[in-house]
Amino acid sequence: MSHGTRRRRGAAHPIRPEPAWRAVGLIVALAWTLSGVGCAAHLPRTGEPLAFLERSTISTATQHDQAFEARPAVHVVLHNGLEAPEILEQGGTAAVALLSFLGDFRIWRFDSAPVRTPTYEPRARLQIFHVALLGAPEDPLDPVDRPHRLVGALSFDLAHRSNGADGCALADHVRVGKSDFACEPTTDPPSTALNVRDGSFTTNYGAAGLGVRWFPGSGAVLPAGSALSATTTFEWNFPCHLDACMPTQMRARYGTVRALWSAEAELPLPVAPAWTAPTGLRVRVGAEGSVHLATADGRRPWTEFAAEVAVLHQVPRGLDLGLFVRRHQGPDYLNIHFEERLDAWIVGLVVDPSPASALVPSRAP
């Protein structure tokens, strides 16, 4: 919700703080408390073993009404069992606990107020990792002779997602009550389109997911330094009557459950001997998408899809930095815009806080 006051039937009422900002405050307070009782909450360290975390991007798109978009992803590590050397070197099971803030801030090509309906998403996540080494090397002292390495992770999330707006969910309506759908139409017949100018979008959700990453060993077709990854996640939007939950009418259009998937291949990038390029360049090719399920009112499940190519290099702080080109096809991913199309090329800069190389110890067998 916006700050200030809201007028309803001639009276001014103070607006309570937006639930997203309350959730951000709770996350900061929790991280501060845990750090004070011995849990060293911190941002990802150089080379810290982490996996399957969202990346930060800054990009521009060929969509005519977009200027550029920033999608920051800030992760605070509360506990990282993967830092135990024996887990990555010999295999085993470990837990990782994180607090994250995900955002989406899009700059539009409008004459005024170009920043509209950003996304605020604070989230708590627990990951249960299992590392397995497949096939012992014939010579453990030979760095070229290496086993296959398989890393799997179950993840469990609790999160809040909203856009900070307080307008009616539908276009050409004025609010008369507390709900995003407690509004009266200003047109006849009433509009059924979503209000993408200042329409409220908010939900609390729980999620469960599975991620798998395979590092090929000796004898594989793929070269050393390659990695193949796949993830799948199911989000469930909680039904309730609190302001932070998605209204029943919105869940009927958005879907009670959102299923997400991704698949990626990362390969070392060969360069010509005469080209003095930095070492460690890699290319990543991937695709991702989502399916919105359990819609109502006769609506069918609907999907979005994106394919991407990125060229990456590890910077001294241990993060992956690179350039990417993505093709997005289908509904827009920006909160209340989910019934609008976004068929565009997207080009930008990406920062990855959990590169694949972080899961391979320097003295890996």
Protein backbone atom coordinates (compact mmCIF):
# COMPACT_ATOMS: atom_id res chain seq x y z
CA MET A 1 0.00 0.00 0.00
CA SER A 2 1.12 3.54 -0.55
CA HIS A 3 1.95 5.80 2.35
CA GLY A 4 -0.23 8.68 3.42
CA THR A 5 -4.03 8.57 3.60
CA ARG A 6 -6.79 6.99 1.58
CA ARG A 7 -10.10 8.77 0.98
CA ARG A 8 -13.21 6.67 1.18
CA ARG A 9 -16.70 8.19 1.04
CA GLY A 10 -15.35 11.61 1.91
CA ALA A 11 -13.38 10.55 5.00
CA ALA A 12 -9.62 10.27 5.39
CA HIS A 13 -8.22 7.14 6.96
CA PRO A 14 -4.57 6.43 7.74
CA ILE A 15 -3.17 3.54 5.79
CA ARG A 16 -1.45 0.87 7.81
CA PRO A 17 2.10 -0.09 6.72
CA GLU A 18 2.34 -2.24 3.62
CA PRO A 19 2.66 -5.93 4.65
CA ALA A 20 5.73 -6.32 2.44
CA TRP A 21 7.63 -3.71 4.41
CA ARG A 22 6.49 -5.23 7.70
CA ALA A 23 7.83 -8.57 6.51
CA VAL A 24 11.15 -7.00 5.50
CA GLY A 25 11.42 -5.48 8.98
CA LEU A 26 10.74 -8.86 10.59
CA ILE A 27 13.42 -10.51 8.45
CA VAL A 28 16.00 -7.86 9.36
CA ALA A 29 15.12 -8.16 13.05
CA LEU A 30 15.33 -11.95 12.91
CA ALA A 31 18.71 -11.88 11.17
CA TRP A 32 20.01 -9.37 13.75
CA THR A 33 18.74 -11.49 16.64
CA LEU A 34 20.23 -14.70 15.29
CA SER A 35 23.58 -13.03 14.68
CA GLY A 36 23.58 -11.91 18.31
CA VAL A 37 23.05 -15.41 19.70
CA GLY A 38 25.81 -17.12 17.81
CA CYS A 39 24.31 -17.67 14.37
CA ALA A 40 26.66 -15.69 12.13
CA ALA A 41 24.18 -14.27 9.64
CA HIS A 42 26.08 -13.00 6.62
CA LEU A 43 25.92 -12.28 2.93
CA PRO A 44 27.43 -15.02 0.73
CA ARG A 45 31.21 -15.10 1.22
CA THR A 46 33.88 -15.54 -1.42
CA GLY A 47 33.64 -19.09 -2.73
CA GLU A 48 31.02 -20.10 -0.17
CA PRO A 49 29.25 -23.31 -1.30
CA LEU A 50 25.63 -22.40 -2.10
CA ALA A 51 23.26 -23.47 -4.84
CA PHE A 52 19.91 -22.80 -6.50
CA LEU A 53 19.62 -19.16 -5.41
CA GLU A 54 18.05 -16.40 -7.49
CA ARG A 55 20.41 -14.13 -9.43
CA SER A 56 20.39 -10.34 -9.64
CA THR A 57 19.88 -8.80 -13.07
CA ILE A 58 19.72 -5.40 -14.72
CA SER A 59 18.27 -5.51 -18.22
CA THR A 60 16.44 -3.82 -21.04
CA ALA A 61 13.77 -5.35 -23.27
CA THR A 62 12.42 -4.90 -26.76
CA GLN A 63 8.94 -4.32 -25.30
CA HIS A 64 8.05 -0.83 -26.55
CA ASP A 65 6.79 0.52 -23.20
CA GLN A 66 9.80 -0.63 -21.11
CA ALA A 67 13.00 1.33 -20.50
CA PHE A 68 14.89 -1.07 -18.23
CA GLU A 69 14.34 -3.41 -15.31
CA ALA A 70 16.26 -4.23 -12.12
CA ARG A 71 15.62 -7.54 -10.35
CA PRO A 72 17.81 -7.59 -7.19
CA ALA A 73 18.19 -10.74 -5.11
CA VAL A 74 19.76 -10.27 -1.67
CA HIS A 75 20.43 -13.44 0.33
CA VAL A 76 21.41 -13.62 4.01
CA VAL A 77 22.93 -16.94 5.08
CA LEU A 78 21.88 -17.97 8.60
CA HIS A 79 23.46 -21.43 8.58
CA ASN A 80 25.50 -23.27 5.95
CA GLY A 81 26.27 -26.92 6.61
CA LEU A 82 27.92 -27.20 3.19
CA GLU A 83 30.94 -25.38 4.60
CA ALA A 84 32.00 -28.57 6.38
CA PRO A 85 34.90 -29.74 4.13
CA GLU A 86 34.00 -33.43 4.26
CA ILE A 87 30.52 -32.84 2.77
CA LEU A 88 31.73 -31.69 -0.65
CA GLU A 89 34.92 -33.74 -0.64
CA GLN A 90 33.52 -37.10 0.47
CA GLY A 91 29.74 -36.73 0.18
CA GLY A 92 27.04 -36.42 2.82
CA THR A 93 23.99 -34.46 3.92
CA ALA A 94 23.82 -30.86 5.16
CA ALA A 95 21.28 -28.10 5.81
CA VAL A 96 21.33 -24.47 4.66
CA ALA A 97 19.03 -21.76 6.07
CA LEU A 98 18.61 -18.39 4.37
CA LEU A 99 16.58 -15.21 4.44
CA SER A 100 16.18 -13.46 1.10
CA PHE A 101 14.72 -10.31 -0.38
CA LEU A 102 13.71 -10.49 -4.04
CA GLY A 103 12.58 -7.45 -5.98
CA ASP A 104 11.47 -6.39 -9.42
CA PHE A 105 11.64 -2.70 -10.33
CA ARG A 106 10.65 -1.83 -13.88
CA ILE A 107 11.10 1.59 -15.45
CA TRP A 108 8.40 2.38 -17.99
CA ARG A 109 8.46 4.80 -20.92
CA PHE A 110 5.73 7.05 -19.57
CA ASP A 111 5.62 10.84 -19.30
CA SER A 112 5.33 10.75 -15.51
CA ALA A 113 5.57 8.29 -12.61
CA PRO A 114 7.64 5.82 -14.65
CA VAL A 115 8.15 3.35 -11.76
CA ARG A 116 4.95 1.40 -11.20
CA THR A 117 3.92 -1.73 -9.33
CA PRO A 118 7.33 -3.01 -8.23
CA THR A 119 7.54 -6.41 -6.53
CA TYR A 120 8.68 -6.84 -2.93
CA GLU A 121 9.30 -10.42 -1.84
CA PRO A 122 10.86 -11.30 1.54
CA ARG A 123 11.37 -15.06 1.96
CA ALA A 124 12.68 -17.65 4.44
CA ARG A 125 14.18 -20.84 2.96
CA LEU A 126 15.47 -24.14 4.32
CA GLN A 127 17.52 -26.38 2.00
CA ILE A 128 18.46 -30.00 2.70
CA PHE A 129 21.45 -30.99 0.53
CA HIS A 130 22.83 -34.40 -0.27
CA VAL A 131 26.17 -34.75 -2.07
CA ALA A 132 27.11 -38.04 -3.72
CA LEU A 133 30.34 -39.06 -5.48
CA LEU A 134 29.69 -41.61 -8.21
CA GLY A 135 32.58 -43.78 -9.31
CA ALA A 136 35.85 -43.64 -7.36
CA PRO A 137 38.90 -42.49 -9.40
CA GLU A 138 41.55 -45.06 -10.21
CA ASP A 139 44.25 -42.66 -8.99
CA PRO A 140 43.02 -40.30 -6.20
CA LEU A 141 46.20 -38.20 -6.58
CA ASP A 142 45.58 -37.55 -10.28
CA PRO A 143 43.63 -34.25 -10.60
CA VAL A 144 42.46 -35.28 -14.07
CA ASP A 145 40.96 -38.55 -12.81
CA ARG A 146 37.80 -37.45 -11.02
CA PRO A 147 34.45 -39.00 -10.02
CA HIS A 148 31.04 -37.84 -11.10
CA ARG A 149 29.58 -35.47 -8.51
CA LEU A 150 25.84 -35.26 -7.92
CA VAL A 151 24.30 -32.59 -5.68
CA GLY A 152 20.61 -32.64 -4.80
CA ALA A 153 18.61 -30.27 -2.62
CA LEU A 154 15.12 -30.19 -1.18
CA SER A 155 13.92 -26.65 -0.45
CA PHE A 156 11.06 -25.36 1.70
CA ASP A 157 9.96 -21.71 1.53
CA LEU A 158 7.68 -19.30 3.36
CA ALA A 159 7.32 -15.94 1.61
CA HIS A 160 5.29 -12.81 1.05
CA ARG A 161 4.96 -11.22 -2.38
CA SER A 162 3.28 -7.88 -3.10
CA ASN A 163 3.58 -4.76 -5.20
CA GLY A 164 3.00 -2.09 -2.57
CA ALA A 165 -0.02 -0.66 -4.39
CA ASP A 166 -3.44 -0.01 -2.82
CA GLY A 167 -5.65 0.48 -5.87
CA CYS A 168 -8.58 -1.76 -6.76
CA ALA A 169 -7.69 -5.05 -8.39
CA LEU A 170 -9.86 -4.23 -11.42
CA ALA A 171 -9.47 -1.26 -13.74
CA ASP A 172 -12.03 1.59 -13.65
CA HIS A 173 -13.16 0.86 -10.10
CA VAL A 174 -13.04 2.88 -6.86
CA ARG A 175 -12.52 1.31 -3.47
CA VAL A 176 -15.41 1.21 -1.00
CA GLY A 177 -14.07 -1.42 1.40
CA LYS A 178 -10.88 -3.03 2.64
CA SER A 179 -10.64 -5.84 0.07
CA ASP A 180 -8.97 -5.29 -3.30
CA PHE A 181 -12.29 -6.37 -4.83
CA ALA A 182 -14.50 -4.29 -2.50
CA CYS A 183 -14.83 -1.65 -5.20
CA GLU A 184 -17.54 0.01 -7.27
CA PRO A 185 -17.26 0.30 -11.08
CA THR A 186 -17.03 3.67 -12.77
CA THR A 187 -18.08 2.28 -16.16
CA ASP A 188 -21.13 0.47 -17.50
CA PRO A 189 -20.67 -2.38 -18.10
CA PRO A 190 -18.04 -2.81 -15.36
CA SER A 191 -14.49 -3.51 -16.48
CA THR A 192 -13.14 -7.01 -15.85
CA ALA A 193 -9.52 -6.15 -16.77
CA LEU A 194 -6.86 -6.06 -14.06
CA ASN A 195 -5.73 -2.63 -12.90
CA VAL A 196 -2.07 -2.57 -13.94
CA ARG A 197 -1.57 1.09 -13.04
CA ASP A 198 -1.92 0.86 -9.24
CA GLY A 199 -3.85 -2.35 -8.67
CA SER A 200 -3.00 -4.22 -5.48
CA PHE A 201 -1.29 -7.61 -5.73
CA THR A 202 -0.40 -9.44 -2.55
CA THR A 203 -0.03 -13.03 -1.40
CA ASN A 204 1.58 -15.22 1.22
CA TYR A 205 2.75 -18.55 -0.10
CA GLY A 206 4.53 -21.72 0.87
CA ALA A 207 6.71 -23.64 -1.56
CA ALA A 208 8.56 -26.93 -1.86
CA GLY A 209 11.12 -27.72 -4.52
CA LEU A 210 13.83 -30.04 -5.74
CA GLY A 211 17.12 -29.07 -7.38
CA VAL A 212 19.72 -31.40 -8.91
CA ARG A 213 23.20 -30.50 -10.23
CA TRP A 214 25.55 -32.98 -11.91
CA PHE A 215 29.28 -32.42 -12.42
CA PRO A 216 30.57 -34.95 -15.00
CA GLY A 217 33.62 -36.97 -14.04
CA SER A 218 36.39 -38.65 -15.99
CA GLY A 219 35.30 -40.39 -19.16
CA ALA A 220 32.24 -38.18 -19.66
CA VAL A 221 31.53 -36.52 -22.99
CA LEU A 222 31.38 -33.08 -21.36
CA PRO A 223 34.69 -31.40 -20.46
CA ALA A 224 35.93 -30.73 -16.92
CA GLY A 225 34.27 -27.71 -15.40
CA SER A 226 30.86 -28.50 -16.91
CA ALA A 227 27.64 -28.70 -14.91
CA LEU A 228 24.06 -29.72 -15.69
CA SER A 229 21.24 -28.47 -13.44
CA ALA A 230 17.48 -28.88 -13.17
CA THR A 231 14.94 -27.57 -10.65
CA THR A 232 11.22 -27.82 -10.03
CA THR A 233 9.17 -25.92 -7.43
CA PHE A 234 5.51 -25.77 -6.42
CA GLU A 235 4.13 -22.59 -4.82
CA TRP A 236 0.82 -22.65 -2.95
CA ASN A 237 -0.96 -19.34 -2.29
CA PHE A 238 -2.44 -19.49 1.21
CA PRO A 239 -6.20 -18.92 1.43
CA CYS A 240 -7.18 -16.64 4.30
CA HIS A 241 -8.99 -13.42 5.08
CA LEU A 242 -5.93 -11.40 6.13
CA ASP A 243 -4.80 -8.42 4.07
CA ALA A 244 -1.53 -10.18 3.19
CA CYS A 245 -3.30 -13.13 1.52
CA MET A 246 -4.44 -13.29 -2.07
CA PRO A 247 -8.20 -12.59 -2.33
CA THR A 248 -10.37 -15.47 -3.51
CA GLN A 249 -11.25 -13.63 -6.73
CA MET A 250 -7.56 -13.10 -7.53
CA ARG A 251 -6.63 -16.71 -6.79
CA ALA A 252 -9.31 -17.77 -9.27
CA ARG A 253 -7.47 -15.83 -11.99
CA TYR A 254 -3.84 -16.28 -10.89
CA GLY A 255 -4.13 -19.90 -9.80
CA THR A 256 -3.91 -21.49 -6.37
CA VAL A 257 -0.70 -23.33 -7.31
CA ARG A 258 2.19 -22.20 -9.49
CA ALA A 259 4.60 -24.86 -10.72
CA LEU A 260 8.05 -23.63 -11.81
CA TRP A 261 10.84 -25.50 -13.60
CA SER A 262 14.29 -24.79 -15.02
CA ALA A 263 17.07 -26.65 -16.85
CA GLU A 264 20.62 -25.40 -17.50
CA ALA A 265 23.90 -26.54 -18.98
CA GLU A 266 27.15 -24.72 -18.12
CA LEU A 267 30.32 -25.33 -20.14
CA PRO A 268 33.82 -23.84 -20.14
CA LEU A 269 34.19 -21.45 -23.06
CA PRO A 270 37.22 -22.13 -25.27
CA VAL A 271 38.98 -19.06 -26.61
CA ALA A 272 41.49 -18.60 -29.40
CA PRO A 273 45.13 -18.83 -28.19
CA ALA A 274 45.89 -15.41 -29.63
CA TRP A 275 43.08 -13.76 -27.69
CA THR A 276 44.19 -12.50 -24.28
CA ALA A 277 40.82 -13.11 -22.65
CA PRO A 278 40.43 -13.71 -18.90
CA THR A 279 40.58 -17.34 -17.88
CA GLY A 280 37.53 -19.09 -16.48
CA LEU A 281 35.04 -17.88 -19.07
CA ARG A 282 31.95 -20.08 -19.25
CA VAL A 283 28.77 -20.21 -21.27
CA ARG A 284 25.42 -21.11 -19.71
CA VAL A 285 22.42 -22.18 -21.76
CA GLY A 286 19.09 -22.67 -20.08
CA ALA A 287 15.32 -22.55 -20.17
CA GLU A 288 12.68 -21.97 -17.51
CA GLY A 289 8.96 -21.64 -17.23
CA SER A 290 5.92 -21.85 -15.01
CA VAL A 291 2.42 -23.27 -15.09
CA HIS A 292 -0.44 -21.70 -13.15
CA LEU A 293 -2.77 -24.40 -11.86
CA ALA A 294 -6.10 -24.62 -10.04
CA THR A 295 -7.68 -21.59 -11.66
CA ALA A 296 -11.46 -21.12 -11.56
CA ASP A 297 -14.29 -19.72 -13.65
CA GLY A 298 -13.54 -22.09 -16.50
CA ARG A 299 -10.00 -20.78 -16.96
CA ARG A 300 -7.43 -23.24 -18.23
CA PRO A 301 -3.92 -23.57 -16.75
CA TRP A 302 -1.62 -21.06 -18.41
CA THR A 303 2.12 -21.03 -18.91
CA GLU A 304 5.12 -18.80 -19.50
CA PHE A 305 8.48 -19.74 -21.00
CA ALA A 306 11.94 -18.20 -21.33
CA ALA A 307 15.20 -19.38 -22.91
CA GLU A 308 18.56 -17.78 -22.13
CA VAL A 309 22.22 -17.75 -23.09
CA ALA A 310 24.81 -16.14 -20.78
CA VAL A 311 28.59 -15.69 -20.85
CA LEU A 312 30.03 -15.67 -17.32
CA HIS A 313 33.28 -14.98 -15.50
CA GLN A 314 34.05 -15.35 -11.79
CA VAL A 315 35.07 -12.08 -10.16
CA PRO A 316 37.46 -11.93 -7.16
CA ARG A 317 34.63 -11.87 -4.60
CA GLY A 318 33.55 -15.32 -5.77
CA LEU A 319 30.41 -14.19 -7.61
CA ASP A 320 29.68 -14.97 -11.23
CA LEU A 321 29.30 -11.86 -13.38
CA GLY A 322 28.18 -11.96 -16.99
CA LEU A 323 26.02 -10.84 -19.88
CA PHE A 324 22.84 -12.62 -20.94
CA VAL A 325 20.30 -12.67 -23.76
CA ARG A 326 16.86 -14.07 -22.99
CA ARG A 327 13.72 -14.65 -24.98
CA HIS A 328 10.55 -14.46 -22.91
CA GLN A 329 7.26 -15.74 -24.29
CA GLY A 330 3.91 -15.63 -22.57
CA PRO A 331 2.29 -13.74 -19.67
CA ASP A 332 4.21 -10.99 -17.91
CA TYR A 333 5.90 -12.07 -14.65
CA LEU A 334 5.45 -8.66 -12.93
CA ASN A 335 2.82 -9.21 -10.19
CA ILE A 336 -0.51 -7.63 -11.25
CA HIS A 337 0.53 -7.75 -14.93
CA PHE A 338 0.11 -11.55 -15.11
CA GLU A 339 -2.72 -11.35 -17.67
CA GLU A 340 -0.69 -9.13 -20.02
CA ARG A 341 1.65 -10.53 -22.69
CA LEU A 342 5.42 -10.11 -22.56
CA ASP A 343 6.86 -11.50 -25.79
CA ALA A 344 10.26 -9.82 -25.94
CA TRP A 345 14.03 -10.14 -26.14
CA ILE A 346 15.73 -9.19 -22.88
CA VAL A 347 19.43 -8.28 -22.68
CA GLY A 348 21.36 -7.42 -19.55
CA LEU A 349 23.89 -8.01 -16.80
CA VAL A 350 23.61 -10.91 -14.34
CA VAL A 351 25.25 -11.52 -10.94
CA ASP A 352 25.08 -15.07 -9.56
CA PRO A 353 25.66 -15.45 -5.78
CA SER A 354 25.79 -19.28 -6.00
CA PRO A 355 27.85 -20.26 -9.06
CA ALA A 356 28.10 -23.94 -9.94
CA SER A 357 31.86 -23.92 -9.33
CA ALA A 358 31.26 -23.19 -5.61
CA LEU A 359 30.09 -26.79 -5.12
CA VAL A 360 33.39 -28.29 -6.31
CA PRO A 361 36.08 -28.08 -3.60
CA SER A 362 39.55 -26.97 -4.66
CA ARG A 363 40.98 -30.35 -3.66
CA ALA A 364 38.11 -32.39 -5.05
CA PRO A 365 38.95 -36.03 -5.75
